[in-house]
Amino acid sequence: MTALRKSGAYDRAEELRLAGFLFDEIARMSPDVEGVSRPAFSDIETKTLSFLEDFARREGLEVWYDAGLNANFCLPGDRDAERYTVIGSHVDSVPFGGNFDGLAGVVAGLLCLVRARREGGKFAFPVHVLAMRGEESAWFGPCYIGSKALTGTLSASDVAARHKGDGRTLDAHMEAIGIDMAPVRAGKPLIDLSRIEAYLELHIEQGPLLIGKAVPAAVVSGIRGNIRYRSLRCIGEAGHSGAVPRAFRRDPVLAMADLLVRLDESWATILAKGDDLVLTSGIVGTDPEKHAMTRIPDQVSFSLDIRSQSARVLDEMRDLLKTEMAQIERDRKVRFELDEELRVAPALCDAGLVARLSKAMETVGQEPFVMASGGGHDAAVFSAAGVPAGMVFVRNRNGSHNPQEAMELPDLLSATDIVHQYLMVAP
C-alpha cells in the first residue's frame, strides 16, 4: 500500500495512489457476477467498515463505532469535540452496482483527514468522517436506513420491512449485527445532533450534467424528495386473448398503461409550468406462474417512484395518482391496490453552506457551479433533522447503480479539494 509521505508536503500523486488503493481493495472484497454488491447490514458491509478502520488506524486517525454500528474517523484529539462538522456517506451498494456510489464520499472524507494529518495541519473546526450503513433501498425497500436510525426517524414500518432475499425483517438484520434496537424502535436519535455544526456529503453525480458541461465537480443546491410505492397492483379478470371482446375486457395491463400515460402527460404539463418532477416505473410484471401470450392477465404489479424538489408537487402528484386510478377503475372495470407509501421530504441545502462551498471552489481554482441533485442522499435526512447540510458532486460517466460507473480519480480529488478548502476556513 502507498500512503501520503510524512514529509509535511502535500503529494498529489501519492493521494491518487492512495484513493485508488482504497477503491480497488474494497471492490475486491465485494464482487458480484457483474460489478459489486455490498448489501445493507450484511457481513460484506461490516467487512468493508473493518477494512476502512484498519486503514485509518495505520494512518494515525481515531476510529470508533456509534450506536448504529457506523464507523467514525477523526484526527487525534477531535473525537470528544463539543461541536464538529460531519463528512458522511454510505458504504453499501445496490446489487450488481458500481464501486463509487456512496464509497466516494467516505474515501474523500478520509483523504481530507489524511491530508491534514500528513501536513501537520488543523481544520478550522473539528471534523468527523462518518461511514454509514444501509442507504440503498434495494435490499429492504426503505432508503436512508442508517441515517434515519442515527436521527431517530426510522419508522415502525421501516424496521418491519423485509429483505428482498431472505424475507427477514430489517429489525432482525440490524439486531443480528449487534445493534441495540430498543432506542431505534423508540425513535430516539443514536447521536447528539445538537453537536453537529454541519453535515457535508461528497457523492458521484448520478446524471450526465457535469459530463455535458465538462467540469469535474459542482456544489449542490438541493435534493429531490420522493414518494415511492414498491408494489402497486392492478387487478382485473383473466380471459382468452382471442375470445373476449374489448367491451367485456377487464385488462389490468392496459389499465396500468393508461395510468402511466396519464401521469406522463401530467409530468409534461408540470415541467412546462416551470416546476420540478421526475417519474419512474422501474419494476413491471405479470405473474410468471400464470402469464402466457394467449392469456389476458388477472393482475399486474408495478413500482412507482415520484421525485421533486417541491413538497407541493409531490402532494399534487399523489392526489393526481389517486384521482386517475379511480377514473380508470370505473372506465376499465379493474381495481388498483397501493402498498405502503414511502416518502422522503425534499431538502434544500443550507444557503450558507452552498455559498461557502462555492467560495471554496473558487479558491482552489475551479469555476463555481451549483446544481440540483436528482437522486436522494443521506444529506436530506440530516437536513430534515435540523442539521445544516451541504453536498459536492463529482463528475461520473454512465450514471450510477450499475457496474459501468466511471468516476475518474483526478475528478474525485478536484471535488475533495473543495471540501478540504471549506474545512480549513472558519465560517
Protein backbone atom coordinates (compact mmCIF):
# COMPACT_ATOMS: atom_id res chain seq x y z
CA MET A 1 0.00 0.00 0.00
CA THR A 2 1.13 3.53 -0.77
CA ALA A 3 0.29 6.34 1.61
CA LEU A 4 0.94 10.06 1.66
CA ARG A 5 4.50 10.75 2.67
CA LYS A 6 5.06 12.10 6.17
CA SER A 7 7.28 14.94 4.95
CA GLY A 8 4.67 17.60 5.68
CA ALA A 9 4.37 18.44 1.98
CA TYR A 10 1.28 17.54 0.02
CA ASP A 11 1.91 14.98 -2.71
CA ARG A 12 -0.87 14.76 -5.31
CA ALA A 13 0.46 11.62 -6.94
CA GLU A 14 0.57 9.81 -3.61
CA GLU A 15 -3.00 10.84 -2.86
CA LEU A 16 -4.16 9.49 -6.23
CA ARG A 17 -2.49 6.17 -5.48
CA LEU A 18 -3.99 6.09 -2.01
CA ALA A 19 -7.51 6.68 -3.34
CA GLY A 20 -7.00 4.00 -5.99
CA PHE A 21 -5.83 1.55 -3.37
CA LEU A 22 -8.93 2.05 -1.23
CA PHE A 23 -11.35 1.64 -4.13
CA ASP A 24 -9.53 -1.37 -5.59
CA GLU A 25 -9.27 -3.26 -2.32
CA ILE A 26 -12.92 -2.73 -1.41
CA ALA A 27 -14.01 -3.78 -4.92
CA ARG A 28 -12.03 -7.00 -4.49
CA MET A 29 -13.83 -7.64 -1.21
CA SER A 30 -17.33 -7.24 -2.66
CA PRO A 31 -17.54 -8.69 -6.19
CA ASP A 32 -20.79 -9.80 -7.78
CA VAL A 33 -21.42 -11.63 -11.05
CA GLU A 34 -21.04 -8.15 -12.51
CA GLY A 35 -19.98 -5.07 -10.59
CA VAL A 36 -20.08 -5.08 -6.79
CA SER A 37 -22.66 -5.89 -4.12
CA ARG A 38 -22.40 -4.66 -0.55
CA PRO A 39 -25.79 -5.48 0.98
CA ALA A 40 -27.08 -3.27 3.79
CA PHE A 41 -26.42 -4.72 7.26
CA SER A 42 -24.50 -7.67 5.86
CA ASP A 43 -21.17 -9.30 6.65
CA ILE A 44 -19.74 -7.72 3.49
CA GLU A 45 -20.75 -4.26 4.68
CA THR A 46 -19.19 -4.98 8.08
CA LYS A 47 -16.02 -6.25 6.41
CA THR A 48 -15.80 -3.04 4.37
CA LEU A 49 -16.03 -0.90 7.50
CA SER A 50 -13.40 -3.06 9.22
CA PHE A 51 -11.05 -2.57 6.27
CA LEU A 52 -11.52 1.21 6.48
CA GLU A 53 -10.95 1.03 10.24
CA ASP A 54 -7.63 -0.78 9.80
CA PHE A 55 -6.54 1.71 7.15
CA ALA A 56 -7.46 4.71 9.30
CA ARG A 57 -5.64 3.38 12.36
CA ARG A 58 -2.49 2.86 10.27
CA GLU A 59 -2.79 6.49 9.22
CA GLY A 60 -2.87 7.62 12.85
CA LEU A 61 -6.57 8.50 12.94
CA GLU A 62 -9.01 7.86 15.76
CA VAL A 63 -11.75 5.32 14.98
CA TRP A 64 -14.94 4.36 16.77
CA TYR A 65 -18.39 2.93 16.06
CA ASP A 66 -21.60 4.71 17.02
CA ALA A 67 -24.77 3.04 18.32
CA GLY A 68 -25.85 2.29 14.74
CA LEU A 69 -22.52 0.49 14.18
CA ASN A 70 -21.44 3.05 11.60
CA ALA A 71 -17.69 3.74 11.51
CA ASN A 72 -16.43 7.19 12.54
CA PHE A 73 -12.98 8.71 11.99
CA CYS A 74 -11.24 11.91 13.10
CA LEU A 75 -7.86 13.50 13.76
CA PRO A 76 -6.31 12.63 17.14
CA GLY A 77 -7.99 14.57 19.91
CA ASP A 78 -11.10 15.60 17.99
CA ARG A 79 -13.43 12.76 18.93
CA ASP A 80 -14.85 14.46 22.03
CA ALA A 81 -15.09 17.94 20.49
CA GLU A 82 -18.10 19.85 21.78
CA ARG A 83 -19.13 20.67 18.21
CA TYR A 84 -17.88 19.28 14.92
CA THR A 85 -18.52 19.06 11.19
CA VAL A 86 -19.50 15.68 9.74
CA ILE A 87 -18.39 14.45 6.32
CA GLY A 88 -20.56 11.43 5.64
CA SER A 89 -21.72 8.92 3.06
CA HIS A 90 -22.56 5.24 2.82
CA VAL A 91 -20.61 2.06 2.04
CA ASP A 92 -23.45 -0.26 0.97
CA SER A 93 -24.34 -0.67 -2.71
CA VAL A 94 -27.17 -1.95 -4.85
CA PRO A 95 -26.91 -5.48 -6.31
CA PHE A 96 -24.63 -5.56 -9.37
CA GLY A 97 -23.73 -1.97 -8.57
CA GLY A 98 -20.82 0.35 -9.16
CA ASN A 99 -17.98 0.83 -6.72
CA PHE A 100 -18.17 4.62 -6.36
CA ASP A 101 -21.77 5.35 -5.33
CA GLY A 102 -21.52 6.24 -1.63
CA LEU A 103 -17.98 4.98 -1.18
CA ALA A 104 -16.53 8.01 -2.99
CA GLY A 105 -17.79 10.28 -0.22
CA VAL A 106 -16.25 8.16 2.53
CA VAL A 107 -12.92 7.98 0.71
CA ALA A 108 -12.95 11.75 0.14
CA GLY A 109 -13.55 12.36 3.84
CA LEU A 110 -10.69 10.07 4.79
CA LEU A 111 -8.43 11.81 2.26
CA CYS A 112 -9.20 15.13 3.95
CA LEU A 113 -8.20 13.69 7.33
CA VAL A 114 -5.07 12.03 5.98
CA ARG A 115 -4.04 15.19 4.13
CA ALA A 116 -4.36 17.24 7.33
CA ARG A 117 -2.57 14.56 9.35
CA ARG A 118 0.33 14.33 6.89
CA GLU A 119 0.69 18.07 6.58
CA GLY A 120 0.50 18.54 10.34
CA GLY A 121 -2.39 20.96 9.80
CA LYS A 122 -5.55 21.59 11.75
CA PHE A 123 -9.04 22.19 10.47
CA ALA A 124 -10.80 25.40 11.39
CA PHE A 125 -13.44 23.22 13.05
CA PRO A 126 -13.13 19.59 14.31
CA VAL A 127 -14.13 17.08 11.63
CA HIS A 128 -15.70 13.63 11.98
CA VAL A 129 -15.91 11.39 8.92
CA LEU A 130 -18.94 9.08 9.01
CA ALA A 131 -19.08 5.83 7.02
CA MET A 132 -22.71 4.76 7.17
CA ARG A 133 -24.56 1.53 6.67
CA GLY A 134 -27.77 0.95 4.79
CA GLU A 135 -28.52 3.88 2.46
CA GLU A 136 -29.78 1.95 -0.56
CA SER A 137 -33.43 0.94 -0.82
CA ALA A 138 -32.66 -2.09 -2.99
CA TRP A 139 -32.39 -4.55 -0.11
CA PHE A 140 -35.36 -3.74 2.17
CA GLY A 141 -37.43 -1.09 0.38
CA PRO A 142 -36.90 1.88 2.74
CA CYS A 143 -33.95 4.13 1.89
CA TYR A 144 -31.52 6.07 4.15
CA ILE A 145 -31.86 3.46 6.88
CA GLY A 146 -28.54 4.23 8.57
CA SER A 147 -29.05 7.99 8.70
CA LYS A 148 -32.69 7.62 9.74
CA ALA A 149 -31.60 5.41 12.65
CA LEU A 150 -28.99 7.98 13.68
CA THR A 151 -31.52 10.81 13.60
CA GLY A 152 -34.33 8.86 15.29
CA THR A 153 -36.59 8.91 12.23
CA LEU A 154 -36.64 5.22 11.26
CA SER A 155 -40.34 4.32 11.37
CA ALA A 156 -42.06 1.20 12.64
CA SER A 157 -42.92 0.27 9.06
CA ASP A 158 -39.28 0.74 8.07
CA VAL A 159 -37.99 -1.71 10.69
CA ALA A 160 -40.75 -4.17 9.76
CA ALA A 161 -39.71 -4.13 6.06
CA ARG A 162 -38.49 -7.48 4.78
CA HIS A 163 -35.27 -8.29 2.96
CA LYS A 164 -35.78 -8.97 -0.74
CA GLY A 165 -33.73 -12.19 -0.46
CA ASP A 166 -34.27 -13.99 2.82
CA GLY A 167 -37.55 -12.35 3.87
CA ARG A 168 -36.29 -11.47 7.35
CA THR A 169 -37.18 -8.06 8.74
CA LEU A 170 -34.84 -5.09 8.82
CA ASP A 171 -35.20 -5.17 12.60
CA ALA A 172 -33.85 -8.73 12.66
CA HIS A 173 -30.96 -7.92 10.32
CA MET A 174 -29.90 -4.87 12.35
CA GLU A 175 -30.16 -6.77 15.63
CA ALA A 176 -28.17 -9.68 14.18
CA ILE A 177 -25.10 -7.50 13.58
CA GLY A 178 -25.21 -6.23 17.17
CA ILE A 179 -27.27 -3.03 17.08
CA ASP A 180 -29.32 -2.36 20.22
CA MET A 181 -32.73 -1.92 18.61
CA ALA A 182 -34.60 -0.58 21.65
CA PRO A 183 -33.77 3.11 21.00
CA VAL A 184 -34.23 2.61 17.26
CA ARG A 185 -37.72 1.19 17.76
CA ALA A 186 -38.49 4.06 20.15
CA GLY A 187 -37.48 6.64 17.56
CA LYS A 188 -34.65 8.05 19.65
CA PRO A 189 -31.60 9.61 17.91
CA LEU A 190 -28.48 7.49 18.31
CA ILE A 191 -26.19 10.55 18.30
CA ASP A 192 -26.38 14.05 19.78
CA LEU A 193 -27.50 16.05 16.75
CA SER A 194 -27.04 19.35 18.60
CA ARG A 195 -23.25 18.88 18.46
CA ILE A 196 -23.13 18.74 14.66
CA GLU A 197 -22.18 22.09 13.15
CA ALA A 198 -22.85 20.91 9.58
CA TYR A 199 -23.21 17.74 7.54
CA LEU A 200 -21.30 17.55 4.23
CA GLU A 201 -21.60 14.77 1.67
CA LEU A 202 -19.50 14.24 -1.43
CA HIS A 203 -21.16 11.96 -4.00
CA ILE A 204 -20.81 10.98 -7.62
CA GLU A 205 -23.29 12.72 -9.89
CA GLN A 206 -25.89 10.19 -10.99
CA GLY A 207 -26.81 12.02 -14.18
CA PRO A 208 -24.96 13.49 -17.19
CA LEU A 209 -24.86 17.23 -16.43
CA LEU A 210 -21.21 17.51 -15.33
CA ILE A 211 -20.10 15.34 -18.24
CA GLY A 212 -22.02 17.59 -20.61
CA LYS A 213 -20.57 20.77 -19.11
CA ALA A 214 -17.04 19.31 -18.96
CA VAL A 215 -16.48 20.29 -15.32
CA PRO A 216 -15.14 17.91 -12.66
CA ALA A 217 -17.26 18.94 -9.68
CA ALA A 218 -20.22 21.01 -8.51
CA VAL A 219 -21.85 22.34 -5.36
CA VAL A 220 -25.38 21.01 -4.80
CA SER A 221 -28.27 23.38 -4.13
CA GLY A 222 -30.92 20.88 -3.04
CA ILE A 223 -32.09 17.26 -3.09
CA ARG A 224 -35.31 15.96 -4.55
CA GLY A 225 -37.75 14.35 -2.18
CA ASN A 226 -39.73 11.33 -3.27
CA ILE A 227 -42.90 9.32 -2.94
CA ARG A 228 -42.36 5.62 -3.63
CA TYR A 229 -44.63 2.62 -3.94
CA ARG A 230 -42.67 -0.59 -4.06
CA SER A 231 -45.53 -2.65 -5.48
CA LEU A 232 -48.83 -1.36 -6.82
CA ARG A 233 -51.27 -3.95 -8.14
CA CYS A 234 -53.90 -3.60 -10.80
CA ILE A 235 -56.43 -6.43 -10.55
CA GLY A 236 -58.65 -7.36 -13.47
CA GLU A 237 -60.06 -10.58 -14.84
CA ALA A 238 -58.27 -13.37 -16.72
CA GLY A 239 -59.55 -14.40 -20.12
CA HIS A 240 -58.68 -15.86 -23.51
CA SER A 241 -56.80 -13.37 -25.69
CA GLY A 242 -58.88 -14.19 -28.75
CA ALA A 243 -62.29 -14.82 -27.27
CA VAL A 244 -63.01 -11.74 -25.12
CA PRO A 245 -64.13 -8.58 -27.00
CA ARG A 246 -62.78 -5.21 -25.89
CA ALA A 247 -66.06 -4.13 -24.33
CA PHE A 248 -66.04 -7.12 -21.98
CA ARG A 249 -62.38 -7.00 -21.01
CA ARG A 250 -61.05 -6.12 -17.56
CA ASP A 251 -57.43 -5.93 -18.66
CA PRO A 252 -55.06 -4.81 -15.87
CA VAL A 253 -52.09 -4.35 -18.20
CA LEU A 254 -53.90 -1.85 -20.40
CA ALA A 255 -55.24 -0.15 -17.26
CA MET A 256 -51.70 0.20 -15.91
CA ALA A 257 -50.53 1.53 -19.27
CA ASP A 258 -53.40 4.01 -19.28
CA LEU A 259 -52.39 5.22 -15.82
CA LEU A 260 -48.73 5.66 -16.72
CA VAL A 261 -49.58 7.56 -19.90
CA ARG A 262 -51.84 9.93 -17.94
CA LEU A 263 -49.09 10.50 -15.37
CA ASP A 264 -46.59 11.11 -18.15
CA GLU A 265 -48.85 13.73 -19.74
CA SER A 266 -49.21 15.46 -16.37
CA TRP A 267 -45.44 15.32 -15.96
CA ALA A 268 -45.00 17.26 -19.23
CA THR A 269 -47.55 19.85 -18.07
CA ILE A 270 -45.83 20.30 -14.71
CA LEU A 271 -42.45 20.82 -16.38
CA ALA A 272 -43.98 23.33 -18.81
CA LYS A 273 -45.19 25.35 -15.80
CA GLY A 274 -41.60 25.51 -14.51
CA ASP A 275 -41.96 23.01 -11.65
CA ASP A 276 -39.60 20.11 -10.97
CA LEU A 277 -40.61 16.45 -11.36
CA VAL A 278 -39.31 13.04 -12.44
CA LEU A 279 -41.37 9.84 -12.54
CA THR A 280 -40.26 6.23 -12.98
CA SER A 281 -41.84 2.78 -13.00
CA GLY A 282 -38.79 0.53 -12.79
CA ILE A 283 -40.45 -2.80 -11.93
CA VAL A 284 -43.35 -4.16 -14.01
CA GLY A 285 -44.62 -7.72 -14.26
CA THR A 286 -47.46 -10.20 -14.51
CA ASP A 287 -47.40 -13.43 -12.53
CA PRO A 288 -44.79 -15.70 -14.20
CA GLU A 289 -46.65 -18.76 -12.89
CA LYS A 290 -49.74 -17.79 -14.89
CA HIS A 291 -48.85 -15.44 -17.71
CA ALA A 292 -48.96 -16.55 -21.33
CA MET A 293 -49.08 -14.94 -24.74
CA THR A 294 -52.70 -16.04 -25.23
CA ARG A 295 -53.99 -15.09 -21.77
CA ILE A 296 -55.42 -11.79 -20.55
CA PRO A 297 -53.70 -11.45 -17.14
CA ASP A 298 -55.77 -11.26 -13.99
CA GLN A 299 -53.33 -8.79 -12.42
CA VAL A 300 -50.12 -6.84 -12.95
CA SER A 301 -47.79 -5.32 -10.37
CA PHE A 302 -45.55 -2.31 -10.82
CA SER A 303 -43.45 0.15 -8.84
CA LEU A 304 -43.73 3.92 -8.88
CA ASP A 305 -41.05 6.45 -7.92
CA ILE A 306 -42.11 10.14 -7.98
CA ARG A 307 -39.47 12.78 -7.21
CA SER A 308 -39.47 16.56 -6.95
CA GLN A 309 -37.70 19.38 -5.18
CA SER A 310 -41.17 20.69 -4.26
CA ALA A 311 -43.23 19.16 -1.46
CA ARG A 312 -46.28 20.79 -3.06
CA VAL A 313 -45.66 19.00 -6.37
CA LEU A 314 -45.28 15.68 -4.56
CA ASP A 315 -48.60 16.21 -2.78
CA GLU A 316 -50.28 17.17 -6.04
CA MET A 317 -48.90 14.08 -7.78
CA ARG A 318 -50.19 11.83 -5.00
CA ASP A 319 -53.65 13.37 -5.34
CA LEU A 320 -53.49 13.07 -9.12
CA LEU A 321 -52.43 9.43 -8.91
CA LYS A 322 -55.46 8.55 -6.78
CA THR A 323 -57.83 10.55 -8.99
CA GLU A 324 -56.57 8.90 -12.18
CA MET A 325 -56.72 5.43 -10.64
CA ALA A 326 -60.32 5.98 -9.59
CA GLN A 327 -61.27 7.11 -13.11
CA ILE A 328 -59.52 4.16 -14.77
CA GLU A 329 -61.15 1.75 -12.33
CA ARG A 330 -64.55 2.99 -13.49
CA ASP A 331 -63.64 3.04 -17.19
CA ARG A 332 -61.87 -0.33 -17.37
CA LYS A 333 -63.61 -2.23 -14.54
CA VAL A 334 -60.37 -3.00 -12.70
CA ARG A 335 -59.13 -2.35 -9.18
CA PHE A 336 -55.86 -0.72 -8.07
CA GLU A 337 -54.21 -1.60 -4.77
CA LEU A 338 -51.46 0.59 -3.32
CA ASP A 339 -48.91 -0.84 -0.93
CA GLU A 340 -47.44 1.38 1.79
CA GLU A 341 -46.27 4.77 0.67
CA LEU A 342 -42.62 5.56 1.37
CA ARG A 343 -41.94 9.29 1.50
CA VAL A 344 -38.83 11.44 1.93
CA ALA A 345 -39.27 15.20 2.04
CA PRO A 346 -37.31 17.41 -0.35
CA ALA A 347 -34.30 19.09 1.21
CA LEU A 348 -32.72 22.38 0.27
CA CYS A 349 -29.03 22.54 1.09
CA ASP A 350 -28.16 25.20 3.66
CA ALA A 351 -27.73 28.51 1.82
CA GLY A 352 -24.70 29.45 3.90
CA LEU A 353 -23.00 26.15 3.15
CA VAL A 354 -23.75 26.50 -0.57
CA ALA A 355 -22.15 29.95 -0.55
CA ARG A 356 -19.07 28.86 1.40
CA LEU A 357 -18.57 25.73 -0.69
CA SER A 358 -18.88 27.85 -3.83
CA LYS A 359 -16.25 30.22 -2.43
CA ALA A 360 -14.00 27.25 -1.62
CA MET A 361 -14.47 26.01 -5.20
CA GLU A 362 -13.30 29.37 -6.50
CA THR A 363 -10.36 29.49 -4.08
CA VAL A 364 -8.98 26.15 -5.34
CA GLY A 365 -9.10 27.42 -8.91
CA GLN A 366 -12.39 25.97 -10.15
CA GLU A 367 -15.21 27.94 -11.72
CA PRO A 368 -18.08 27.82 -9.20
CA PHE A 369 -21.00 25.74 -10.45
CA VAL A 370 -24.18 24.97 -8.49
CA MET A 371 -26.75 22.34 -9.47
CA ALA A 372 -29.66 20.37 -8.02
CA SER A 373 -29.50 16.69 -7.11
CA GLY A 374 -31.93 14.36 -8.83
CA GLY A 375 -31.07 11.40 -6.62
CA GLY A 376 -31.74 11.21 -2.91
CA HIS A 377 -28.97 11.23 -0.32
CA ASP A 378 -28.42 10.92 3.42
CA ALA A 379 -27.89 14.71 3.45
CA ALA A 380 -31.65 15.08 3.07
CA VAL A 381 -32.23 13.13 6.29
CA PHE A 382 -29.80 15.27 8.28
CA SER A 383 -31.33 18.42 6.81
CA ALA A 384 -34.82 17.27 7.82
CA ALA A 385 -33.47 16.64 11.34
CA GLY A 386 -32.37 20.29 11.60
CA VAL A 387 -28.69 19.86 10.76
CA PRO A 388 -27.36 22.32 8.12
CA ALA A 389 -26.45 20.13 5.15
CA GLY A 390 -24.40 20.64 2.01
CA MET A 391 -23.16 18.48 -0.86
CA VAL A 392 -20.48 18.36 -3.53
CA PHE A 393 -20.88 16.29 -6.69
CA VAL A 394 -18.11 14.56 -8.66
CA ARG A 395 -18.29 14.08 -12.42
CA ASN A 396 -19.14 10.48 -13.28
CA ARG A 397 -19.94 8.78 -16.57
CA ASN A 398 -22.66 6.21 -17.21
CA GLY A 399 -24.92 7.04 -14.30
CA SER A 400 -24.92 5.04 -11.07
CA HIS A 401 -26.35 1.85 -9.59
CA ASN A 402 -24.62 -0.07 -12.36
CA PRO A 403 -21.17 -1.61 -12.93
CA GLN A 404 -20.33 0.99 -15.59
CA GLU A 405 -19.94 3.87 -13.11
CA ALA A 406 -16.84 5.70 -14.33
CA MET A 407 -15.66 8.35 -11.91
CA GLU A 408 -12.04 9.35 -12.55
CA LEU A 409 -9.72 9.74 -9.57
CA PRO A 410 -8.44 13.21 -10.61
CA ASP A 411 -12.06 14.40 -10.57
CA LEU A 412 -12.52 12.92 -7.09
CA LEU A 413 -9.50 14.91 -5.89
CA SER A 414 -10.86 18.08 -7.51
CA ALA A 415 -14.07 17.64 -5.52
CA THR A 416 -12.11 16.71 -2.39
CA ASP A 417 -10.13 19.94 -2.77
CA ILE A 418 -13.38 21.90 -2.45
CA VAL A 419 -14.36 20.11 0.75
CA HIS A 420 -10.84 20.37 2.21
CA GLN A 421 -10.67 24.10 1.48
CA TYR A 422 -14.04 24.60 3.14
CA LEU A 423 -12.85 22.73 6.21
CA MET A 424 -9.70 24.85 6.51
CA VAL A 425 -11.56 28.18 6.63
CA ALA A 426 -13.62 29.16 9.65
CA PRO A 427 -17.30 30.01 8.91
